[in-house]
Amino acid sequence: MHDDKFWNAQIEQIIVLPNQDITLIPRVGDHRIILGDLDGYKERLNKLMTFYRNGLNETGWNKYSVINLKFDKRVVCIKR
């Protein structure tokens, strides 16, 4: 992730939980991103990028408190 300019600028904090799941805190938007483990993280970040472009640009960056990428082929969000 550190070699990607967008994600390097977008992610403010990376939290590694005791179960090795990763939570990301972005600079833009008031939400947490649950990435899960590192297996397949690039695909999940691509899924998030698509959601940012097609979802959050329409609904607003602060509509959700949590964006969960752990589920296969889905982005699961919790509204504020």
PDB file of N, CA and C in Angstrom:
ATOM      1  N   MET A   1       0.825  -1.186   0.000  1.00  0.00           N
ATOM      2  CA  MET A   1       0.000   0.000   0.000  1.00  0.00           C
ATOM      3  C   MET A   1       0.871   1.252   0.000  1.00  0.00           C
ATOM      4  N   HIS A   2       2.021   1.207   0.639  1.00  0.00           N
ATOM      5  CA  HIS A   2       2.863   2.396   0.743  1.00  0.00           C
ATOM      6  C   HIS A   2       3.426   2.845  -0.596  1.00  0.00           C
ATOM      7  N   ASP A   3       3.432   1.979  -1.607  1.00  0.00           N
ATOM      8  CA  ASP A   3       3.938   2.357  -2.919  1.00  0.00           C
ATOM      9  C   ASP A   3       2.850   2.926  -3.827  1.00  0.00           C
ATOM     10  N   ASP A   4       1.617   2.985  -3.368  1.00  0.00           N
ATOM     11  CA  ASP A   4       0.505   3.551  -4.124  1.00  0.00           C
ATOM     12  C   ASP A   4       0.253   4.967  -3.615  1.00  0.00           C
ATOM     13  N   LYS A   5       0.373   5.950  -4.492  1.00  0.00           N
ATOM     14  CA  LYS A   5       0.257   7.358  -4.078  1.00  0.00           C
ATOM     15  C   LYS A   5      -1.106   7.683  -3.470  1.00  0.00           C
ATOM     16  N   PHE A   6      -2.182   7.155  -4.075  1.00  0.00           N
ATOM     17  CA  PHE A   6      -3.512   7.457  -3.545  1.00  0.00           C
ATOM     18  C   PHE A   6      -3.669   6.920  -2.130  1.00  0.00           C
ATOM     19  N   TRP A   7      -3.390   5.619  -1.932  1.00  0.00           N
ATOM     20  CA  TRP A   7      -3.599   5.020  -0.615  1.00  0.00           C
ATOM     21  C   TRP A   7      -2.629   5.587   0.403  1.00  0.00           C
ATOM     22  N   ASN A   8      -1.430   5.919  -0.022  1.00  0.00           N
ATOM     23  CA  ASN A   8      -0.473   6.535   0.889  1.00  0.00           C
ATOM     24  C   ASN A   8      -0.989   7.885   1.388  1.00  0.00           C
ATOM     25  N   ALA A   9      -1.641   8.632   0.502  1.00  0.00           N
ATOM     26  CA  ALA A   9      -2.205   9.921   0.900  1.00  0.00           C
ATOM     27  C   ALA A   9      -3.526   9.766   1.645  1.00  0.00           C
ATOM     28  N   GLN A  10      -4.300   8.740   1.331  1.00  0.00           N
ATOM     29  CA  GLN A  10      -5.644   8.576   1.895  1.00  0.00           C
ATOM     30  C   GLN A  10      -5.651   7.976   3.298  1.00  0.00           C
ATOM     31  N   ILE A  11      -4.746   7.044   3.587  1.00  0.00           N
ATOM     32  CA  ILE A  11      -4.782   6.329   4.862  1.00  0.00           C
ATOM     33  C   ILE A  11      -3.907   7.032   5.886  1.00  0.00           C
ATOM     34  N   GLU A  12      -4.540   7.429   6.983  1.00  0.00           N
ATOM     35  CA  GLU A  12      -3.847   8.152   8.046  1.00  0.00           C
ATOM     36  C   GLU A  12      -3.260   7.201   9.095  1.00  0.00           C
ATOM     37  N   GLN A  13      -3.981   6.120   9.381  1.00  0.00           N
ATOM     38  CA  GLN A  13      -3.566   5.210  10.449  1.00  0.00           C
ATOM     39  C   GLN A  13      -3.920   3.782  10.067  1.00  0.00           C
ATOM     40  N   ILE A  14      -3.025   2.849  10.429  1.00  0.00           N
ATOM     41  CA  ILE A  14      -3.254   1.419  10.230  1.00  0.00           C
ATOM     42  C   ILE A  14      -3.229   0.762  11.599  1.00  0.00           C
ATOM     43  N   ILE A  15      -4.308   0.053  11.937  1.00  0.00           N
ATOM     44  CA  ILE A  15      -4.419  -0.609  13.234  1.00  0.00           C
ATOM     45  C   ILE A  15      -4.409  -2.120  12.994  1.00  0.00           C
ATOM     46  N   VAL A  16      -3.498  -2.813  13.666  1.00  0.00           N
ATOM     47  CA  VAL A  16      -3.445  -4.269  13.591  1.00  0.00           C
ATOM     48  C   VAL A  16      -4.047  -4.813  14.881  1.00  0.00           C
ATOM     49  N   LEU A  17      -5.143  -5.530  14.754  1.00  0.00           N
ATOM     50  CA  LEU A  17      -5.851  -6.075  15.909  1.00  0.00           C
ATOM     51  C   LEU A  17      -5.191  -7.382  16.368  1.00  0.00           C
ATOM     52  N   PRO A  18      -5.460  -7.837  17.589  1.00  0.00           N
ATOM     53  CA  PRO A  18      -4.846  -9.072  18.095  1.00  0.00           C
ATOM     54  C   PRO A  18      -5.082 -10.294  17.199  1.00  0.00           C
ATOM     55  N   ASN A  19      -6.207 -10.342  16.474  1.00  0.00           N
ATOM     56  CA  ASN A  19      -6.478 -11.473  15.584  1.00  0.00           C
ATOM     57  C   ASN A  19      -5.828 -11.288  14.208  1.00  0.00           C
ATOM     58  N   GLN A  20      -4.984 -10.274  14.067  1.00  0.00           N
ATOM     59  CA  GLN A  20      -4.256  -9.931  12.842  1.00  0.00           C
ATOM     60  C   GLN A  20      -5.122  -9.267  11.773  1.00  0.00           C
ATOM     61  N   ASP A  21      -6.379  -8.943  12.067  1.00  0.00           N
ATOM     62  CA  ASP A  21      -7.184  -8.159  11.141  1.00  0.00           C
ATOM     63  C   ASP A  21      -6.657  -6.726  11.120  1.00  0.00           C
ATOM     64  N   ILE A  22      -6.833  -6.074   9.980  1.00  0.00           N
ATOM     65  CA  ILE A  22      -6.353  -4.715   9.785  1.00  0.00           C
ATOM     66  C   ILE A  22      -7.549  -3.776   9.692  1.00  0.00           C
ATOM     67  N   THR A  23      -7.480  -2.665  10.425  1.00  0.00           N
ATOM     68  CA  THR A  23      -8.452  -1.588  10.315  1.00  0.00           C
ATOM     69  C   THR A  23      -7.701  -0.355   9.850  1.00  0.00           C
ATOM     70  N   LEU A  24      -8.285   0.357   8.872  1.00  0.00           N
ATOM     71  CA  LEU A  24      -7.675   1.552   8.311  1.00  0.00           C
ATOM     72  C   LEU A  24      -8.489   2.779   8.711  1.00  0.00           C
ATOM     73  N   ILE A  25      -7.792   3.841   9.041  1.00  0.00           N
ATOM     74  CA  ILE A  25      -8.430   5.119   9.348  1.00  0.00           C
ATOM     75  C   ILE A  25      -8.030   6.097   8.246  1.00  0.00           C
ATOM     76  N   PRO A  26      -8.999   6.539   7.425  1.00  0.00           N
ATOM     77  CA  PRO A  26      -8.666   7.432   6.310  1.00  0.00           C
ATOM     78  C   PRO A  26      -8.536   8.887   6.750  1.00  0.00           C
ATOM     79  N   ARG A  27      -7.853   9.680   5.951  1.00  0.00           N
ATOM     80  CA  ARG A  27      -7.750  11.124   6.186  1.00  0.00           C
ATOM     81  C   ARG A  27      -9.039  11.837   5.777  1.00  0.00           C
ATOM     82  N   VAL A  28      -9.707  11.329   4.728  1.00  0.00           N
ATOM     83  CA  VAL A  28     -10.930  11.943   4.212  1.00  0.00           C
ATOM     84  C   VAL A  28     -12.108  11.054   4.576  1.00  0.00           C
ATOM     85  N   GLY A  29     -13.131  11.648   5.139  1.00  0.00           N
ATOM     86  CA  GLY A  29     -14.304  10.884   5.544  1.00  0.00           C
ATOM     87  C   GLY A  29     -14.211  10.499   7.004  1.00  0.00           C
ATOM     88  N   ASP A  30     -15.364  10.364   7.620  1.00  0.00           N
ATOM     89  CA  ASP A  30     -15.431  10.033   9.043  1.00  0.00           C
ATOM     90  C   ASP A  30     -15.911   8.589   9.180  1.00  0.00           C
ATOM     91  N   HIS A  31     -15.068   7.638   8.742  1.00  0.00           N
ATOM     92  CA  HIS A  31     -15.414   6.227   8.803  1.00  0.00           C
ATOM     93  C   HIS A  31     -14.155   5.398   9.058  1.00  0.00           C
ATOM     94  N   ARG A  32     -14.379   4.159   9.476  1.00  0.00           N
ATOM     95  CA  ARG A  32     -13.295   3.181   9.614  1.00  0.00           C
ATOM     96  C   ARG A  32     -13.446   2.181   8.483  1.00  0.00           C
ATOM     97  N   ILE A  33     -12.331   1.647   8.022  1.00  0.00           N
ATOM     98  CA  ILE A  33     -12.334   0.643   6.973  1.00  0.00           C
ATOM     99  C   ILE A  33     -11.807  -0.650   7.570  1.00  0.00           C
ATOM    100  N   ILE A  34     -12.643  -1.678   7.579  1.00  0.00           N
ATOM    101  CA  ILE A  34     -12.208  -2.978   8.074  1.00  0.00           C
ATOM    102  C   ILE A  34     -11.686  -3.754   6.864  1.00  0.00           C
ATOM    103  N   LEU A  35     -10.382  -3.913   6.813  1.00  0.00           N
ATOM    104  CA  LEU A  35      -9.741  -4.587   5.691  1.00  0.00           C
ATOM    105  C   LEU A  35      -9.696  -6.088   5.894  1.00  0.00           C
ATOM    106  N   GLY A  36      -9.597  -6.534   7.128  1.00  0.00           N
ATOM    107  CA  GLY A  36      -9.445  -7.961   7.416  1.00  0.00           C
ATOM    108  C   GLY A  36      -7.978  -8.333   7.410  1.00  0.00           C
ATOM    109  N   ASP A  37      -7.679  -9.576   7.073  1.00  0.00           N
ATOM    110  CA  ASP A  37      -6.273  -9.986   7.039  1.00  0.00           C
ATOM    111  C   ASP A  37      -5.640  -9.514   5.727  1.00  0.00           C
ATOM    112  N   LEU A  38      -4.361  -9.804   5.554  1.00  0.00           N
ATOM    113  CA  LEU A  38      -3.654  -9.303   4.387  1.00  0.00           C
ATOM    114  C   LEU A  38      -3.794 -10.175   3.147  1.00  0.00           C
ATOM    115  N   ASP A  39      -4.362 -11.369   3.278  1.00  0.00           N
ATOM    116  CA  ASP A  39      -4.584 -12.209   2.102  1.00  0.00           C
ATOM    117  C   ASP A  39      -5.590 -11.532   1.183  1.00  0.00           C
ATOM    118  N   GLY A  40      -5.182 -11.220  -0.011  1.00  0.00           N
ATOM    119  CA  GLY A  40      -6.078 -10.594  -0.979  1.00  0.00           C
ATOM    120  C   GLY A  40      -6.374  -9.129  -0.721  1.00  0.00           C
ATOM    121  N   TYR A  41      -5.520  -8.462   0.043  1.00  0.00           N
ATOM    122  CA  TYR A  41      -5.816  -7.065   0.398  1.00  0.00           C
ATOM    123  C   TYR A  41      -5.852  -6.145  -0.826  1.00  0.00           C
ATOM    124  N   LYS A  42      -5.054  -6.421  -1.858  1.00  0.00           N
ATOM    125  CA  LYS A  42      -5.059  -5.556  -3.042  1.00  0.00           C
ATOM    126  C   LYS A  42      -6.408  -5.587  -3.744  1.00  0.00           C
ATOM    127  N   GLU A  43      -7.001  -6.769  -3.829  1.00  0.00           N
ATOM    128  CA  GLU A  43      -8.325  -6.881  -4.438  1.00  0.00           C
ATOM    129  C   GLU A  43      -9.367  -6.124  -3.616  1.00  0.00           C
ATOM    130  N   ARG A  44      -9.242  -6.201  -2.289  1.00  0.00           N
ATOM    131  CA  ARG A  44     -10.199  -5.481  -1.430  1.00  0.00           C
ATOM    132  C   ARG A  44     -10.011  -3.976  -1.554  1.00  0.00           C
ATOM    133  N   LEU A  45      -8.760  -3.508  -1.692  1.00  0.00           N
ATOM    134  CA  LEU A  45      -8.533  -2.073  -1.894  1.00  0.00           C
ATOM    135  C   LEU A  45      -9.075  -1.627  -3.251  1.00  0.00           C
ATOM    136  N   ASN A  46      -8.972  -2.475  -4.270  1.00  0.00           N
ATOM    137  CA  ASN A  46      -9.567  -2.150  -5.569  1.00  0.00           C
ATOM    138  C   ASN A  46     -11.087  -2.049  -5.449  1.00  0.00           C
ATOM    139  N   LYS A  47     -11.684  -2.954  -4.674  1.00  0.00           N
ATOM    140  CA  LYS A  47     -13.127  -2.931  -4.425  1.00  0.00           C
ATOM    141  C   LYS A  47     -13.509  -1.634  -3.705  1.00  0.00           C
ATOM    142  N   LEU A  48     -12.689  -1.223  -2.747  1.00  0.00           N
ATOM    143  CA  LEU A  48     -12.943   0.022  -2.024  1.00  0.00           C
ATOM    144  C   LEU A  48     -12.828   1.230  -2.959  1.00  0.00           C
ATOM    145  N   MET A  49     -11.838   1.214  -3.838  1.00  0.00           N
ATOM    146  CA  MET A  49     -11.681   2.314  -4.790  1.00  0.00           C
ATOM    147  C   MET A  49     -12.925   2.436  -5.665  1.00  0.00           C
ATOM    148  N   THR A  50     -13.451   1.315  -6.130  1.00  0.00           N
ATOM    149  CA  THR A  50     -14.681   1.326  -6.924  1.00  0.00           C
ATOM    150  C   THR A  50     -15.838   1.893  -6.106  1.00  0.00           C
ATOM    151  N   PHE A  51     -15.926   1.489  -4.843  1.00  0.00           N
ATOM    152  CA  PHE A  51     -16.984   2.006  -3.963  1.00  0.00           C
ATOM    153  C   PHE A  51     -16.811   3.509  -3.741  1.00  0.00           C
ATOM    154  N   TYR A  52     -15.587   3.961  -3.541  1.00  0.00           N
ATOM    155  CA  TYR A  52     -15.340   5.396  -3.382  1.00  0.00           C
ATOM    156  C   TYR A  52     -15.829   6.156  -4.620  1.00  0.00           C
ATOM    157  N   ARG A  53     -15.468   5.666  -5.793  1.00  0.00           N
ATOM    158  CA  ARG A  53     -15.821   6.365  -7.038  1.00  0.00           C
ATOM    159  C   ARG A  53     -17.311   6.310  -7.338  1.00  0.00           C
ATOM    160  N   ASN A  54     -17.936   5.149  -7.139  1.00  0.00           N
ATOM    161  CA  ASN A  54     -19.330   4.963  -7.559  1.00  0.00           C
ATOM    162  C   ASN A  54     -20.337   5.095  -6.430  1.00  0.00           C
ATOM    163  N   GLY A  55     -19.898   4.994  -5.192  1.00  0.00           N
ATOM    164  CA  GLY A  55     -20.820   5.040  -4.062  1.00  0.00           C
ATOM    165  C   GLY A  55     -20.701   6.315  -3.250  1.00  0.00           C
ATOM    166  N   LEU A  56     -19.538   6.530  -2.677  1.00  0.00           N
ATOM    167  CA  LEU A  56     -19.385   7.675  -1.779  1.00  0.00           C
ATOM    168  C   LEU A  56     -19.438   9.005  -2.507  1.00  0.00           C
ATOM    169  N   ASN A  57     -19.027   9.042  -3.753  1.00  0.00           N
ATOM    170  CA  ASN A  57     -19.144  10.291  -4.503  1.00  0.00           C
ATOM    171  C   ASN A  57     -20.609  10.678  -4.698  1.00  0.00           C
ATOM    172  N   GLU A  58     -21.495   9.684  -4.685  1.00  0.00           N
ATOM    173  CA  GLU A  58     -22.939   9.947  -4.821  1.00  0.00           C
ATOM    174  C   GLU A  58     -23.602  10.248  -3.476  1.00  0.00           C
ATOM    175  N   THR A  59     -23.231   9.495  -2.429  1.00  0.00           N
ATOM    176  CA  THR A  59     -23.929   9.606  -1.144  1.00  0.00           C
ATOM    177  C   THR A  59     -23.247  10.551  -0.164  1.00  0.00           C
ATOM    178  N   GLY A  60     -21.972  10.801  -0.346  1.00  0.00           N
ATOM    179  CA  GLY A  60     -21.223  11.639   0.578  1.00  0.00           C
ATOM    180  C   GLY A  60     -20.248  10.819   1.398  1.00  0.00           C
ATOM    181  N   TRP A  61     -19.154  11.422   1.765  1.00  0.00           N
ATOM    182  CA  TRP A  61     -18.049  10.722   2.435  1.00  0.00           C
ATOM    183  C   TRP A  61     -18.323  10.438   3.906  1.00  0.00           C
ATOM    184  N   ASN A  62     -19.348  11.032   4.488  1.00  0.00           N
ATOM    185  CA  ASN A  62     -19.607  10.849   5.916  1.00  0.00           C
ATOM    186  C   ASN A  62     -20.911  10.113   6.207  1.00  0.00           C
ATOM    187  N   LYS A  63     -21.471   9.438   5.219  1.00  0.00           N
ATOM    188  CA  LYS A  63     -22.738   8.729   5.416  1.00  0.00           C
ATOM    189  C   LYS A  63     -22.571   7.479   6.273  1.00  0.00           C
ATOM    190  N   TYR A  64     -21.424   6.822   6.198  1.00  0.00           N
ATOM    191  CA  TYR A  64     -21.195   5.550   6.878  1.00  0.00           C
ATOM    192  C   TYR A  64     -20.148   5.693   7.971  1.00  0.00           C
ATOM    193  N   SER A  65     -20.324   4.935   9.044  1.00  0.00           N
ATOM    194  CA  SER A  65     -19.329   4.929  10.124  1.00  0.00           C
ATOM    195  C   SER A  65     -18.308   3.812   9.927  1.00  0.00           C
ATOM    196  N   VAL A  66     -18.717   2.729   9.249  1.00  0.00           N
ATOM    197  CA  VAL A  66     -17.832   1.584   9.006  1.00  0.00           C
ATOM    198  C   VAL A  66     -18.020   1.116   7.573  1.00  0.00           C
ATOM    199  N   ILE A  67     -16.906   0.845   6.906  1.00  0.00           N
ATOM    200  CA  ILE A  67     -16.912   0.196   5.597  1.00  0.00           C
ATOM    201  C   ILE A  67     -16.135  -1.098   5.766  1.00  0.00           C
ATOM    202  N   ASN A  68     -16.829  -2.224   5.603  1.00  0.00           N
ATOM    203  CA  ASN A  68     -16.232  -3.531   5.858  1.00  0.00           C
ATOM    204  C   ASN A  68     -15.952  -4.237   4.530  1.00  0.00           C
ATOM    205  N   LEU A  69     -14.681  -4.585   4.314  1.00  0.00           N
ATOM    206  CA  LEU A  69     -14.247  -5.230   3.072  1.00  0.00           C
ATOM    207  C   LEU A  69     -13.933  -6.702   3.253  1.00  0.00           C
ATOM    208  N   LYS A  70     -14.204  -7.262   4.425  1.00  0.00           N
ATOM    209  CA  LYS A  70     -13.828  -8.647   4.723  1.00  0.00           C
ATOM    210  C   LYS A  70     -14.623  -9.675   3.931  1.00  0.00           C
ATOM    211  N   PHE A  71     -15.788  -9.303   3.434  1.00  0.00           N
ATOM    212  CA  PHE A  71     -16.659 -10.262   2.765  1.00  0.00           C
ATOM    213  C   PHE A  71     -16.313 -10.353   1.283  1.00  0.00           C
ATOM    214  N   ASP A  72     -16.316 -11.559   0.757  1.00  0.00           N
ATOM    215  CA  ASP A  72     -15.951 -11.803  -0.627  1.00  0.00           C
ATOM    216  C   ASP A  72     -16.922 -11.109  -1.584  1.00  0.00           C
ATOM    217  N   LYS A  73     -16.386 -10.285  -2.457  1.00  0.00           N
ATOM    218  CA  LYS A  73     -17.147  -9.617  -3.525  1.00  0.00           C
ATOM    219  C   LYS A  73     -18.234  -8.680  -3.025  1.00  0.00           C
ATOM    220  N   ARG A  74     -18.108  -8.202  -1.777  1.00  0.00           N
ATOM    221  CA  ARG A  74     -19.099  -7.271  -1.233  1.00  0.00           C
ATOM    222  C   ARG A  74     -18.418  -6.200  -0.412  1.00  0.00           C
ATOM    223  N   VAL A  75     -19.058  -5.042  -0.374  1.00  0.00           N
ATOM    224  CA  VAL A  75     -18.688  -3.974   0.538  1.00  0.00           C
ATOM    225  C   VAL A  75     -19.890  -3.811   1.465  1.00  0.00           C
ATOM    226  N   VAL A  76     -19.687  -4.014   2.753  1.00  0.00           N
ATOM    227  CA  VAL A  76     -20.766  -3.925   3.733  1.00  0.00           C
ATOM    228  C   VAL A  76     -20.531  -2.657   4.561  1.00  0.00           C
ATOM    229  N   CYS A  77     -21.552  -1.814   4.624  1.00  0.00           N
ATOM    230  CA  CYS A  77     -21.425  -0.527   5.309  1.00  0.00           C
ATOM    231  C   CYS A  77     -22.416  -0.421   6.463  1.00  0.00           C
ATOM    232  N   ILE A  78     -22.022   0.323   7.468  1.00  0.00           N
ATOM    233  CA  ILE A  78     -22.907   0.651   8.588  1.00  0.00           C
ATOM    234  C   ILE A  78     -23.151   2.145   8.534  1.00  0.00           C
ATOM    235  N   LYS A  79     -24.441   2.507   8.424  1.00  0.00           N
ATOM    236  CA  LYS A  79     -24.804   3.933   8.372  1.00  0.00           C
ATOM    237  C   LYS A  79     -24.599   4.586   9.724  1.00  0.00           C
ATOM    238  N   ARG A  80     -24.406   5.853   9.698  1.00  0.00           N
ATOM    239  CA  ARG A  80     -24.315   6.652  10.930  1.00  0.00           C
ATOM    240  C   ARG A  80     -25.611   6.643  11.646  1.00  0.00           C
TER     241      ARG A  80
END
